[in-house]
């Protein structure tokens, strides 16, 4: 059953929040936020105690802090939630704090486990474990922020990031046992372990981005 006001909040998010993602890089545009929202709501079926309205807002706001740079974007996302007076129409102060915490805790490199089930759901939904999507997003980011790097430079930068984040011992953590992320992460790690196969994927995506 839909919580009271869910459709109204959904409309607010679609018209007032999602368009703000147009200002971000291609890997963090509307498609990304829509995917995170959909994945988070889908995973919530395993947690009947979750207020889907709060989860929807946390997922929608999770990357808004990118407007202030990447390094502390999760902290700014939480601040944006707390400062948005419009949310008080649907949520009390404690609920807004929970939403803000979830938006802040989504970041893979935050170094600590999300504080609530809302943070774990948004963090898990933000983990798009798909080889092509991962490489494309990372390469788009590298080409935008380090445009002076040639093909070899972009490849070295990308591989360093892939191993730091996704390889065994990397900082990416999965928090929800449901869904396909664990299997997909293992498949991606096998791809990382095969330099020739990974280079073929890199070349395919690099060529599509420069033409």
N, C-alpha and C. Protein backbone atom coordinates (compact mmCIF):
# COMPACT_ATOMS: atom_id res chain seq x y z
N UNK A 1 0.84 -1.20 0.00
CA UNK A 1 0.00 0.00 0.00
C UNK A 1 0.88 1.25 0.00
N UNK A 2 0.51 2.21 -0.82
CA UNK A 2 1.26 3.46 -0.88
C UNK A 2 1.01 4.28 0.38
N UNK A 3 2.07 4.85 0.94
CA UNK A 3 1.91 5.73 2.09
C UNK A 3 1.18 6.99 1.67
N UNK A 4 0.51 7.58 2.64
CA UNK A 4 -0.25 8.80 2.37
C UNK A 4 0.71 9.89 1.87
N UNK A 5 0.38 10.48 0.74
CA UNK A 5 1.19 11.56 0.17
C UNK A 5 2.30 11.11 -0.74
N UNK A 6 2.44 9.80 -0.95
CA UNK A 6 3.55 9.31 -1.77
C UNK A 6 3.51 9.89 -3.18
N UNK A 7 2.36 9.85 -3.82
CA UNK A 7 2.27 10.33 -5.20
C UNK A 7 2.53 11.83 -5.29
N UNK A 8 2.11 12.56 -4.27
CA UNK A 8 2.36 14.01 -4.24
C UNK A 8 3.86 14.29 -4.12
N UNK A 9 4.54 13.54 -3.26
CA UNK A 9 5.99 13.71 -3.09
C UNK A 9 6.71 13.27 -4.37
N UNK A 10 6.22 12.22 -4.97
CA UNK A 10 6.81 11.73 -6.22
C UNK A 10 6.75 12.80 -7.31
N UNK A 11 5.62 13.48 -7.39
CA UNK A 11 5.47 14.56 -8.38
C UNK A 11 6.40 15.72 -8.06
N UNK A 12 6.51 16.07 -6.78
CA UNK A 12 7.42 17.13 -6.34
C UNK A 12 8.85 16.79 -6.72
N UNK A 13 9.26 15.57 -6.45
CA UNK A 13 10.62 15.13 -6.77
C UNK A 13 10.89 15.22 -8.27
N UNK A 14 9.95 14.75 -9.05
CA UNK A 14 10.15 14.70 -10.50
C UNK A 14 10.26 16.09 -11.11
N UNK A 15 9.48 17.04 -10.60
CA UNK A 15 9.46 18.37 -11.20
C UNK A 15 10.43 19.36 -10.56
N UNK A 16 10.76 19.17 -9.27
CA UNK A 16 11.57 20.15 -8.56
C UNK A 16 13.00 19.68 -8.26
N UNK A 17 13.20 18.38 -8.15
CA UNK A 17 14.51 17.86 -7.73
C UNK A 17 15.26 17.22 -8.88
N UNK A 18 14.64 16.31 -9.60
CA UNK A 18 15.32 15.60 -10.68
C UNK A 18 15.95 16.54 -11.71
N UNK A 19 15.29 17.64 -12.12
CA UNK A 19 15.92 18.53 -13.11
C UNK A 19 17.25 19.13 -12.66
N UNK A 20 17.50 19.17 -11.37
CA UNK A 20 18.77 19.73 -10.87
C UNK A 20 19.96 18.85 -11.27
N UNK A 21 19.68 17.60 -11.59
CA UNK A 21 20.75 16.70 -12.01
C UNK A 21 21.23 17.01 -13.43
N UNK A 22 20.52 17.85 -14.15
CA UNK A 22 20.96 18.24 -15.49
C UNK A 22 22.27 19.03 -15.43
N UNK A 23 22.60 19.60 -14.28
CA UNK A 23 23.81 20.41 -14.14
C UNK A 23 25.06 19.58 -13.87
N UNK A 24 24.89 18.27 -13.66
CA UNK A 24 26.03 17.43 -13.28
C UNK A 24 26.59 16.69 -14.49
N UNK A 25 27.69 15.96 -14.27
CA UNK A 25 28.31 15.24 -15.37
C UNK A 25 27.39 14.12 -15.85
N UNK A 26 27.74 13.56 -17.01
CA UNK A 26 26.85 12.60 -17.66
C UNK A 26 26.59 11.37 -16.81
N UNK A 27 27.54 11.02 -15.94
CA UNK A 27 27.35 9.86 -15.09
C UNK A 27 26.45 10.10 -13.90
N UNK A 28 26.08 11.36 -13.68
CA UNK A 28 25.23 11.70 -12.54
C UNK A 28 24.05 12.57 -12.98
N UNK A 29 23.50 12.25 -14.13
CA UNK A 29 22.37 12.99 -14.66
C UNK A 29 21.03 12.39 -14.22
N UNK A 30 19.99 12.72 -14.97
CA UNK A 30 18.64 12.25 -14.63
C UNK A 30 18.55 10.73 -14.63
N UNK A 31 19.20 10.10 -15.59
CA UNK A 31 19.15 8.64 -15.65
C UNK A 31 19.67 8.03 -14.36
N UNK A 32 20.74 8.61 -13.83
CA UNK A 32 21.34 8.08 -12.60
C UNK A 32 20.38 8.21 -11.42
N UNK A 33 19.85 9.39 -11.22
CA UNK A 33 18.98 9.57 -10.04
C UNK A 33 17.71 8.74 -10.18
N UNK A 34 17.18 8.61 -11.39
CA UNK A 34 16.01 7.76 -11.59
C UNK A 34 16.33 6.30 -11.25
N UNK A 35 17.51 5.85 -11.65
CA UNK A 35 17.91 4.48 -11.36
C UNK A 35 18.03 4.25 -9.86
N UNK A 36 18.65 5.19 -9.16
CA UNK A 36 18.82 5.05 -7.71
C UNK A 36 17.47 5.03 -7.01
N UNK A 37 16.56 5.90 -7.42
CA UNK A 37 15.22 5.92 -6.83
C UNK A 37 14.53 4.58 -7.05
N UNK A 38 14.55 4.12 -8.28
CA UNK A 38 13.85 2.86 -8.61
C UNK A 38 14.45 1.67 -7.87
N UNK A 39 15.79 1.61 -7.81
CA UNK A 39 16.44 0.50 -7.13
C UNK A 39 16.16 0.52 -5.63
N UNK A 40 16.21 1.71 -5.03
CA UNK A 40 15.96 1.82 -3.60
C UNK A 40 14.54 1.40 -3.25
N UNK A 41 13.57 1.87 -4.02
CA UNK A 41 12.18 1.51 -3.77
C UNK A 41 11.95 0.02 -3.99
N UNK A 42 12.62 -0.56 -4.98
CA UNK A 42 12.49 -1.99 -5.22
C UNK A 42 13.04 -2.79 -4.05
N UNK A 43 14.22 -2.40 -3.55
CA UNK A 43 14.82 -3.11 -2.42
C UNK A 43 14.00 -2.97 -1.14
N UNK A 44 13.23 -1.88 -1.04
CA UNK A 44 12.45 -1.64 0.19
C UNK A 44 11.37 -2.68 0.41
N UNK A 45 11.05 -3.47 -0.61
CA UNK A 45 10.02 -4.50 -0.44
C UNK A 45 10.41 -5.52 0.62
N UNK A 46 11.71 -5.65 0.88
CA UNK A 46 12.19 -6.59 1.89
C UNK A 46 12.16 -6.00 3.30
N UNK A 47 11.81 -4.72 3.40
CA UNK A 47 11.84 -4.03 4.69
C UNK A 47 10.52 -3.29 4.90
N UNK A 48 9.49 -4.00 5.37
CA UNK A 48 8.15 -3.40 5.50
C UNK A 48 8.10 -2.22 6.46
N UNK A 49 9.09 -2.09 7.33
CA UNK A 49 9.10 -0.98 8.28
C UNK A 49 9.52 0.34 7.65
N UNK A 50 10.04 0.29 6.44
CA UNK A 50 10.56 1.49 5.79
C UNK A 50 9.41 2.36 5.26
N UNK A 51 9.51 3.67 5.54
CA UNK A 51 8.58 4.65 4.99
C UNK A 51 9.08 5.00 3.58
N UNK A 52 8.38 4.54 2.58
CA UNK A 52 8.82 4.72 1.20
C UNK A 52 8.87 6.19 0.79
N UNK A 53 8.09 7.04 1.45
CA UNK A 53 8.16 8.48 1.15
C UNK A 53 9.52 9.03 1.53
N UNK A 54 10.01 8.64 2.72
CA UNK A 54 11.32 9.10 3.19
C UNK A 54 12.43 8.55 2.31
N UNK A 55 12.30 7.30 1.93
CA UNK A 55 13.31 6.67 1.08
C UNK A 55 13.36 7.34 -0.29
N UNK A 56 12.21 7.65 -0.84
CA UNK A 56 12.13 8.34 -2.13
C UNK A 56 12.89 9.66 -2.08
N UNK A 57 12.68 10.43 -1.04
CA UNK A 57 13.33 11.74 -0.93
C UNK A 57 14.83 11.58 -0.71
N UNK A 58 15.23 10.65 0.13
CA UNK A 58 16.66 10.43 0.37
C UNK A 58 17.37 10.06 -0.93
N UNK A 59 16.75 9.17 -1.70
CA UNK A 59 17.36 8.77 -2.97
C UNK A 59 17.40 9.93 -3.96
N UNK A 60 16.35 10.73 -3.98
CA UNK A 60 16.28 11.85 -4.92
C UNK A 60 17.32 12.93 -4.61
N UNK A 61 17.60 13.16 -3.34
CA UNK A 61 18.51 14.23 -2.92
C UNK A 61 19.96 13.78 -2.80
N UNK A 62 20.23 12.48 -2.94
CA UNK A 62 21.52 11.95 -2.50
C UNK A 62 22.73 12.59 -3.17
N UNK A 63 22.61 13.05 -4.41
CA UNK A 63 23.76 13.63 -5.12
C UNK A 63 23.63 15.13 -5.38
N UNK A 64 22.65 15.78 -4.79
CA UNK A 64 22.48 17.21 -5.04
C UNK A 64 23.71 18.01 -4.61
N UNK A 65 24.44 17.50 -3.64
CA UNK A 65 25.64 18.20 -3.17
C UNK A 65 26.75 18.29 -4.19
N UNK A 66 26.62 17.58 -5.32
CA UNK A 66 27.63 17.70 -6.39
C UNK A 66 27.73 19.12 -6.91
N UNK A 67 26.71 19.92 -6.67
CA UNK A 67 26.75 21.33 -7.07
C UNK A 67 27.88 22.07 -6.36
N UNK A 68 28.39 21.49 -5.27
CA UNK A 68 29.45 22.13 -4.49
C UNK A 68 30.76 21.35 -4.58
N UNK A 69 30.88 20.47 -5.57
CA UNK A 69 32.09 19.69 -5.74
C UNK A 69 31.90 18.25 -5.30
N UNK A 70 32.79 17.38 -5.77
CA UNK A 70 32.63 15.95 -5.54
C UNK A 70 33.09 15.51 -4.15
N UNK A 71 34.17 16.10 -3.65
CA UNK A 71 34.83 15.58 -2.45
C UNK A 71 33.91 15.51 -1.23
N UNK A 72 33.11 16.53 -1.03
CA UNK A 72 32.22 16.55 0.15
C UNK A 72 30.76 16.64 -0.27
N UNK A 73 30.44 16.08 -1.44
CA UNK A 73 29.09 16.24 -1.96
C UNK A 73 28.05 15.59 -1.06
N UNK A 74 28.42 14.49 -0.40
CA UNK A 74 27.47 13.80 0.47
C UNK A 74 27.08 14.66 1.67
N UNK A 75 28.05 15.41 2.18
CA UNK A 75 27.78 16.31 3.31
C UNK A 75 26.87 17.45 2.86
N UNK A 76 27.13 17.98 1.69
CA UNK A 76 26.28 19.06 1.17
C UNK A 76 24.88 18.54 0.83
N UNK A 77 24.79 17.29 0.36
CA UNK A 77 23.46 16.72 0.08
C UNK A 77 22.63 16.69 1.36
N UNK A 78 23.24 16.28 2.47
CA UNK A 78 22.53 16.26 3.75
C UNK A 78 22.10 17.66 4.17
N UNK A 79 22.99 18.62 3.97
CA UNK A 79 22.64 20.01 4.32
C UNK A 79 21.47 20.50 3.48
N UNK A 80 21.46 20.18 2.20
CA UNK A 80 20.38 20.61 1.31
C UNK A 80 19.05 20.04 1.79
N UNK A 81 19.05 18.78 2.21
CA UNK A 81 17.83 18.18 2.76
C UNK A 81 17.34 18.97 3.96
N UNK A 82 18.24 19.25 4.90
CA UNK A 82 17.84 19.92 6.15
C UNK A 82 17.39 21.35 5.91
N UNK A 83 17.90 21.98 4.86
CA UNK A 83 17.57 23.39 4.62
C UNK A 83 16.36 23.56 3.71
N UNK A 84 15.86 22.48 3.13
CA UNK A 84 14.72 22.60 2.21
C UNK A 84 13.42 22.63 3.00
N UNK A 85 12.89 23.84 3.19
CA UNK A 85 11.68 24.03 4.00
C UNK A 85 10.47 23.32 3.40
N UNK A 86 10.50 23.07 2.12
CA UNK A 86 9.34 22.43 1.47
C UNK A 86 9.09 21.03 2.03
N UNK A 87 10.13 20.38 2.50
CA UNK A 87 9.97 19.01 3.01
C UNK A 87 9.17 18.97 4.31
N UNK A 88 9.09 20.10 4.99
CA UNK A 88 8.35 20.14 6.25
C UNK A 88 6.85 19.98 6.04
N UNK A 89 6.46 20.08 4.79
CA UNK A 89 5.04 19.85 4.47
C UNK A 89 4.65 18.39 4.71
N UNK A 90 5.64 17.49 4.56
CA UNK A 90 5.35 16.05 4.67
C UNK A 90 6.03 15.37 5.84
N UNK A 91 7.13 15.97 6.34
CA UNK A 91 7.94 15.26 7.33
C UNK A 91 8.22 16.11 8.57
N UNK A 92 8.32 15.44 9.71
CA UNK A 92 8.68 16.14 10.94
C UNK A 92 10.21 16.24 11.03
N UNK A 93 10.74 17.02 11.99
CA UNK A 93 12.19 17.23 12.07
C UNK A 93 13.00 15.94 12.20
N UNK A 94 12.52 14.98 12.97
CA UNK A 94 13.26 13.73 13.13
C UNK A 94 13.33 12.96 11.81
N UNK A 95 12.23 12.97 11.07
CA UNK A 95 12.21 12.29 9.77
C UNK A 95 13.15 12.97 8.79
N UNK A 96 13.18 14.29 8.82
CA UNK A 96 14.09 15.03 7.93
C UNK A 96 15.54 14.72 8.28
N UNK A 97 15.85 14.61 9.57
CA UNK A 97 17.20 14.23 9.97
C UNK A 97 17.57 12.85 9.45
N UNK A 98 16.63 11.93 9.51
CA UNK A 98 16.88 10.57 9.02
C UNK A 98 17.14 10.57 7.51
N UNK A 99 16.33 11.36 6.79
CA UNK A 99 16.51 11.49 5.34
C UNK A 99 17.88 12.09 5.03
N UNK A 100 18.25 13.14 5.78
CA UNK A 100 19.55 13.79 5.56
C UNK A 100 20.69 12.83 5.84
N UNK A 101 20.58 12.07 6.93
CA UNK A 101 21.63 11.09 7.26
C UNK A 101 21.77 10.07 6.14
N UNK A 102 20.65 9.63 5.58
CA UNK A 102 20.69 8.64 4.50
C UNK A 102 21.38 9.21 3.27
N UNK A 103 21.06 10.47 2.94
CA UNK A 103 21.71 11.11 1.80
C UNK A 103 23.21 11.24 2.02
N UNK A 104 23.61 11.54 3.25
CA UNK A 104 25.03 11.69 3.56
C UNK A 104 25.76 10.35 3.55
N UNK A 105 25.08 9.30 4.01
CA UNK A 105 25.74 8.00 4.19
C UNK A 105 25.85 7.18 2.91
N UNK A 106 25.31 7.69 1.80
CA UNK A 106 25.29 6.88 0.58
C UNK A 106 26.67 6.69 -0.02
N UNK A 107 27.61 7.56 0.29
CA UNK A 107 28.88 7.57 -0.44
C UNK A 107 29.73 6.35 -0.14
N UNK A 108 30.20 5.69 -1.19
CA UNK A 108 30.95 4.44 -1.04
C UNK A 108 32.23 4.63 -0.24
N UNK A 109 32.85 5.81 -0.34
CA UNK A 109 34.14 6.05 0.33
C UNK A 109 33.99 6.74 1.66
N UNK A 110 32.79 6.74 2.22
CA UNK A 110 32.56 7.48 3.48
C UNK A 110 33.31 6.86 4.64
N UNK A 111 33.63 5.56 4.56
CA UNK A 111 34.44 4.94 5.60
C UNK A 111 33.67 4.38 6.77
N UNK A 112 32.36 4.53 6.77
CA UNK A 112 31.57 3.96 7.87
C UNK A 112 30.26 3.41 7.32
N UNK A 113 29.69 2.47 8.05
CA UNK A 113 28.43 1.88 7.63
C UNK A 113 27.31 2.90 7.76
N UNK A 114 26.37 2.93 6.82
CA UNK A 114 25.22 3.83 6.95
C UNK A 114 24.52 3.63 8.29
N UNK A 115 24.03 4.74 8.85
CA UNK A 115 23.47 4.72 10.20
C UNK A 115 22.09 4.09 10.29
N UNK A 116 21.35 4.09 9.20
CA UNK A 116 19.98 3.58 9.23
C UNK A 116 19.72 2.71 8.02
N UNK A 117 18.59 2.02 8.03
CA UNK A 117 18.19 1.21 6.88
C UNK A 117 17.99 2.09 5.65
N UNK A 118 17.59 3.34 5.85
CA UNK A 118 17.41 4.25 4.71
C UNK A 118 18.75 4.52 4.03
N UNK A 119 19.79 4.75 4.83
CA UNK A 119 21.11 4.97 4.26
C UNK A 119 21.64 3.74 3.56
N UNK A 120 21.38 2.56 4.14
CA UNK A 120 21.85 1.32 3.52
C UNK A 120 21.15 1.08 2.19
N UNK A 121 19.86 1.37 2.14
CA UNK A 121 19.11 1.17 0.90
C UNK A 121 19.56 2.13 -0.20
N UNK A 122 19.76 3.40 0.15
CA UNK A 122 20.22 4.37 -0.85
C UNK A 122 21.64 4.03 -1.30
N UNK A 123 22.50 3.65 -0.35
CA UNK A 123 23.87 3.29 -0.70
C UNK A 123 23.89 2.09 -1.64
N UNK A 124 23.07 1.10 -1.34
CA UNK A 124 23.03 -0.09 -2.19
C UNK A 124 22.48 0.24 -3.57
N UNK A 125 21.43 1.06 -3.61
CA UNK A 125 20.83 1.45 -4.89
C UNK A 125 21.80 2.26 -5.74
N UNK A 126 22.71 2.98 -5.09
CA UNK A 126 23.69 3.80 -5.79
C UNK A 126 24.83 2.96 -6.37
N UNK A 127 24.92 1.71 -5.94
CA UNK A 127 25.96 0.81 -6.45
C UNK A 127 25.47 0.17 -7.74
N UNK A 128 25.71 0.81 -8.83
CA UNK A 128 25.32 0.25 -10.12
C UNK A 128 26.42 -0.71 -10.56
N UNK A 129 26.26 -1.98 -10.23
CA UNK A 129 27.30 -2.96 -10.53
C UNK A 129 27.05 -3.55 -11.92
N UNK A 130 27.48 -2.80 -12.90
CA UNK A 130 27.39 -3.21 -14.30
C UNK A 130 28.67 -2.72 -14.97
N UNK A 131 29.42 -3.65 -15.53
CA UNK A 131 30.73 -3.31 -16.05
C UNK A 131 30.74 -2.13 -16.99
N UNK A 132 29.89 -2.14 -17.99
CA UNK A 132 29.87 -1.05 -18.97
C UNK A 132 29.48 0.27 -18.33
N UNK A 133 28.50 0.23 -17.44
CA UNK A 133 28.05 1.46 -16.79
C UNK A 133 29.14 2.02 -15.89
N UNK A 134 29.79 1.15 -15.13
CA UNK A 134 30.87 1.59 -14.23
C UNK A 134 31.99 2.26 -15.02
N UNK A 135 32.44 1.60 -16.08
CA UNK A 135 33.56 2.13 -16.86
C UNK A 135 33.16 3.41 -17.58
N UNK A 136 31.95 3.43 -18.14
CA UNK A 136 31.49 4.62 -18.86
C UNK A 136 31.42 5.83 -17.92
N UNK A 137 30.81 5.64 -16.75
CA UNK A 137 30.68 6.76 -15.81
C UNK A 137 32.04 7.27 -15.35
N UNK A 138 32.94 6.34 -15.04
CA UNK A 138 34.26 6.74 -14.56
C UNK A 138 35.05 7.43 -15.66
N UNK A 139 34.91 6.95 -16.88
CA UNK A 139 35.62 7.56 -18.01
C UNK A 139 35.05 8.93 -18.35
N UNK A 140 33.73 9.05 -18.30
CA UNK A 140 33.11 10.36 -18.53
C UNK A 140 33.60 11.38 -17.50
N UNK A 141 33.70 10.94 -16.26
CA UNK A 141 34.19 11.82 -15.20
C UNK A 141 35.64 12.22 -15.47
N UNK A 142 36.46 11.25 -15.82
CA UNK A 142 37.86 11.54 -16.08
C UNK A 142 38.07 12.46 -17.26
N UNK A 143 37.29 12.27 -18.32
CA UNK A 143 37.43 13.10 -19.51
C UNK A 143 36.95 14.53 -19.27
N UNK A 144 36.00 14.68 -18.35
CA UNK A 144 35.50 16.02 -18.04
C UNK A 144 36.46 16.76 -17.12
N UNK A 145 36.96 16.06 -16.09
CA UNK A 145 37.75 16.73 -15.06
C UNK A 145 39.25 16.70 -15.33
N UNK A 146 39.72 15.79 -16.19
CA UNK A 146 41.13 15.77 -16.57
C UNK A 146 41.23 15.63 -18.10
N UNK A 147 40.73 16.64 -18.81
CA UNK A 147 40.67 16.56 -20.27
C UNK A 147 42.04 16.53 -20.94
N UNK A 148 43.08 16.89 -20.21
CA UNK A 148 44.41 16.89 -20.79
C UNK A 148 45.03 15.52 -20.91
N UNK A 149 44.44 14.52 -20.28
CA UNK A 149 44.99 13.17 -20.35
C UNK A 149 44.69 12.54 -21.70
N UNK A 150 45.71 11.88 -22.28
CA UNK A 150 45.48 11.17 -23.52
C UNK A 150 44.85 9.80 -23.22
N UNK A 151 44.70 9.00 -24.24
CA UNK A 151 44.05 7.69 -24.08
C UNK A 151 44.74 6.85 -23.00
N UNK A 152 46.08 6.80 -23.07
CA UNK A 152 46.83 6.02 -22.08
C UNK A 152 46.64 6.57 -20.69
N UNK A 153 46.66 7.89 -20.57
CA UNK A 153 46.48 8.52 -19.27
C UNK A 153 45.11 8.25 -18.67
N UNK A 154 44.10 8.31 -19.52
CA UNK A 154 42.75 8.02 -19.05
C UNK A 154 42.64 6.56 -18.60
N UNK A 155 43.31 5.67 -19.34
CA UNK A 155 43.26 4.25 -18.97
C UNK A 155 43.94 4.02 -17.62
N UNK A 156 45.10 4.62 -17.42
CA UNK A 156 45.81 4.45 -16.14
C UNK A 156 44.99 5.01 -14.99
N UNK A 157 44.41 6.20 -15.20
CA UNK A 157 43.58 6.80 -14.16
C UNK A 157 42.39 5.91 -13.83
N UNK A 158 41.75 5.40 -14.88
CA UNK A 158 40.57 4.56 -14.70
C UNK A 158 40.92 3.27 -13.95
N UNK A 159 42.00 2.61 -14.34
CA UNK A 159 42.38 1.35 -13.69
C UNK A 159 42.72 1.56 -12.22
N UNK A 160 43.39 2.65 -11.92
CA UNK A 160 43.73 2.94 -10.52
C UNK A 160 42.45 3.08 -9.69
N UNK A 161 41.47 3.80 -10.25
CA UNK A 161 40.20 3.99 -9.55
C UNK A 161 39.43 2.68 -9.43
N UNK A 162 39.41 1.89 -10.50
CA UNK A 162 38.69 0.61 -10.47
C UNK A 162 39.23 -0.30 -9.38
N UNK A 163 40.55 -0.40 -9.30
CA UNK A 163 41.15 -1.30 -8.31
C UNK A 163 40.96 -0.78 -6.89
N UNK A 164 41.06 0.52 -6.72
CA UNK A 164 40.88 1.12 -5.39
C UNK A 164 39.45 0.93 -4.87
N UNK A 165 38.49 0.96 -5.79
CA UNK A 165 37.08 0.92 -5.37
C UNK A 165 36.48 -0.48 -5.45
N UNK A 166 36.70 -1.20 -6.54
CA UNK A 166 35.94 -2.41 -6.82
C UNK A 166 36.68 -3.72 -6.58
N UNK A 167 38.00 -3.69 -6.55
CA UNK A 167 38.74 -4.94 -6.42
C UNK A 167 38.61 -5.49 -5.00
N UNK A 168 39.08 -6.72 -4.79
CA UNK A 168 39.08 -7.31 -3.45
C UNK A 168 39.84 -6.38 -2.50
N UNK A 169 39.23 -6.06 -1.38
CA UNK A 169 39.84 -5.13 -0.44
C UNK A 169 39.56 -3.67 -0.76
N UNK A 170 38.84 -3.41 -1.86
CA UNK A 170 38.49 -2.03 -2.21
C UNK A 170 37.49 -1.43 -1.25
N UNK A 171 37.29 -0.13 -1.39
CA UNK A 171 36.44 0.54 -0.40
C UNK A 171 34.94 0.38 -0.64
N UNK A 172 34.55 -0.14 -1.80
CA UNK A 172 33.12 -0.36 -2.03
C UNK A 172 32.60 -1.46 -1.12
N UNK A 173 31.53 -1.17 -0.40
CA UNK A 173 30.89 -2.15 0.48
C UNK A 173 29.42 -2.28 0.09
N UNK A 174 28.93 -3.52 0.14
CA UNK A 174 27.52 -3.78 -0.11
C UNK A 174 26.84 -4.02 1.23
N UNK A 175 25.67 -3.39 1.41
CA UNK A 175 25.01 -3.41 2.72
C UNK A 175 23.72 -4.21 2.74
N UNK A 176 23.19 -4.55 1.59
CA UNK A 176 21.89 -5.23 1.51
C UNK A 176 22.10 -6.61 0.88
N UNK A 177 21.66 -7.68 1.56
CA UNK A 177 21.89 -9.02 1.02
C UNK A 177 21.00 -9.37 -0.17
N UNK A 178 19.94 -8.61 -0.36
CA UNK A 178 19.01 -8.91 -1.44
C UNK A 178 19.50 -8.27 -2.76
N UNK A 179 18.99 -8.78 -3.84
CA UNK A 179 19.35 -8.22 -5.14
C UNK A 179 20.57 -8.91 -5.73
N UNK A 180 21.04 -8.39 -6.84
CA UNK A 180 22.09 -9.05 -7.63
C UNK A 180 23.46 -8.42 -7.50
N UNK A 181 23.62 -7.41 -6.64
CA UNK A 181 24.87 -6.67 -6.62
C UNK A 181 26.09 -7.52 -6.25
N UNK A 182 25.91 -8.44 -5.29
CA UNK A 182 27.06 -9.26 -4.87
C UNK A 182 27.56 -10.12 -6.04
N UNK A 183 26.64 -10.74 -6.77
CA UNK A 183 27.03 -11.55 -7.93
C UNK A 183 27.69 -10.69 -9.01
N UNK A 184 27.09 -9.52 -9.25
CA UNK A 184 27.62 -8.64 -10.29
C UNK A 184 29.00 -8.10 -9.92
N UNK A 185 29.20 -7.84 -8.63
CA UNK A 185 30.51 -7.35 -8.20
C UNK A 185 31.58 -8.41 -8.42
N UNK A 186 31.25 -9.65 -8.13
CA UNK A 186 32.21 -10.73 -8.36
C UNK A 186 32.53 -10.86 -9.85
N UNK A 187 31.52 -10.73 -10.70
CA UNK A 187 31.74 -10.80 -12.14
C UNK A 187 32.64 -9.66 -12.60
N UNK A 188 32.44 -8.46 -12.04
CA UNK A 188 33.27 -7.32 -12.43
C UNK A 188 34.70 -7.51 -11.96
N UNK A 189 34.87 -8.10 -10.78
CA UNK A 189 36.23 -8.37 -10.29
C UNK A 189 36.95 -9.36 -11.20
N UNK A 190 36.22 -10.31 -11.75
CA UNK A 190 36.83 -11.25 -12.69
C UNK A 190 37.25 -10.53 -13.97
N UNK A 191 36.45 -9.55 -14.39
CA UNK A 191 36.82 -8.75 -15.56
C UNK A 191 38.08 -7.94 -15.28
N UNK A 192 38.17 -7.35 -14.09
CA UNK A 192 39.37 -6.59 -13.72
C UNK A 192 40.61 -7.47 -13.73
N UNK A 193 40.43 -8.74 -13.43
CA UNK A 193 41.56 -9.67 -13.37
C UNK A 193 41.99 -10.14 -14.76
N UNK A 194 41.27 -9.74 -15.79
CA UNK A 194 41.59 -10.13 -17.17
C UNK A 194 41.96 -8.87 -17.96
N UNK A 195 43.23 -8.49 -17.98
CA UNK A 195 43.64 -7.21 -18.60
C UNK A 195 43.20 -7.07 -20.05
N UNK A 196 43.28 -8.14 -20.83
CA UNK A 196 42.91 -8.04 -22.24
C UNK A 196 41.42 -7.76 -22.41
N UNK A 197 40.59 -8.47 -21.64
CA UNK A 197 39.14 -8.26 -21.72
C UNK A 197 38.77 -6.86 -21.24
N UNK A 198 39.43 -6.42 -20.17
CA UNK A 198 39.11 -5.08 -19.66
C UNK A 198 39.53 -4.00 -20.65
N UNK A 199 40.68 -4.18 -21.27
CA UNK A 199 41.13 -3.20 -22.26
C UNK A 199 40.17 -3.14 -23.44
N UNK A 200 39.64 -4.27 -23.85
CA UNK A 200 38.66 -4.27 -24.95
C UNK A 200 37.43 -3.45 -24.57
N UNK A 201 36.96 -3.61 -23.33
CA UNK A 201 35.81 -2.85 -22.88
C UNK A 201 36.15 -1.36 -22.83
N UNK A 202 37.33 -1.03 -22.29
CA UNK A 202 37.75 0.36 -22.23
C UNK A 202 37.79 0.98 -23.62
N UNK A 203 38.42 0.28 -24.58
CA UNK A 203 38.54 0.81 -25.94
C UNK A 203 37.16 1.05 -26.56
N UNK A 204 36.27 0.11 -26.36
CA UNK A 204 34.91 0.24 -26.91
C UNK A 204 34.22 1.51 -26.38
N UNK A 205 34.32 1.73 -25.08
CA UNK A 205 33.63 2.88 -24.48
C UNK A 205 34.38 4.17 -24.80
N UNK A 206 35.70 4.14 -24.75
CA UNK A 206 36.48 5.34 -25.07
C UNK A 206 36.17 5.80 -26.49
N UNK A 207 36.17 4.88 -27.42
CA UNK A 207 35.90 5.25 -28.81
C UNK A 207 34.49 5.82 -28.99
N UNK A 208 33.53 5.27 -28.24
CA UNK A 208 32.15 5.78 -28.36
C UNK A 208 32.04 7.20 -27.80
N UNK A 209 32.90 7.56 -26.85
CA UNK A 209 32.83 8.88 -26.23
C UNK A 209 33.56 9.95 -27.02
N UNK A 210 34.54 9.55 -27.82
CA UNK A 210 35.30 10.57 -28.55
C UNK A 210 34.77 10.78 -29.97
N UNK A 211 33.84 9.95 -30.40
CA UNK A 211 33.29 10.11 -31.76
C UNK A 211 31.88 10.67 -31.72
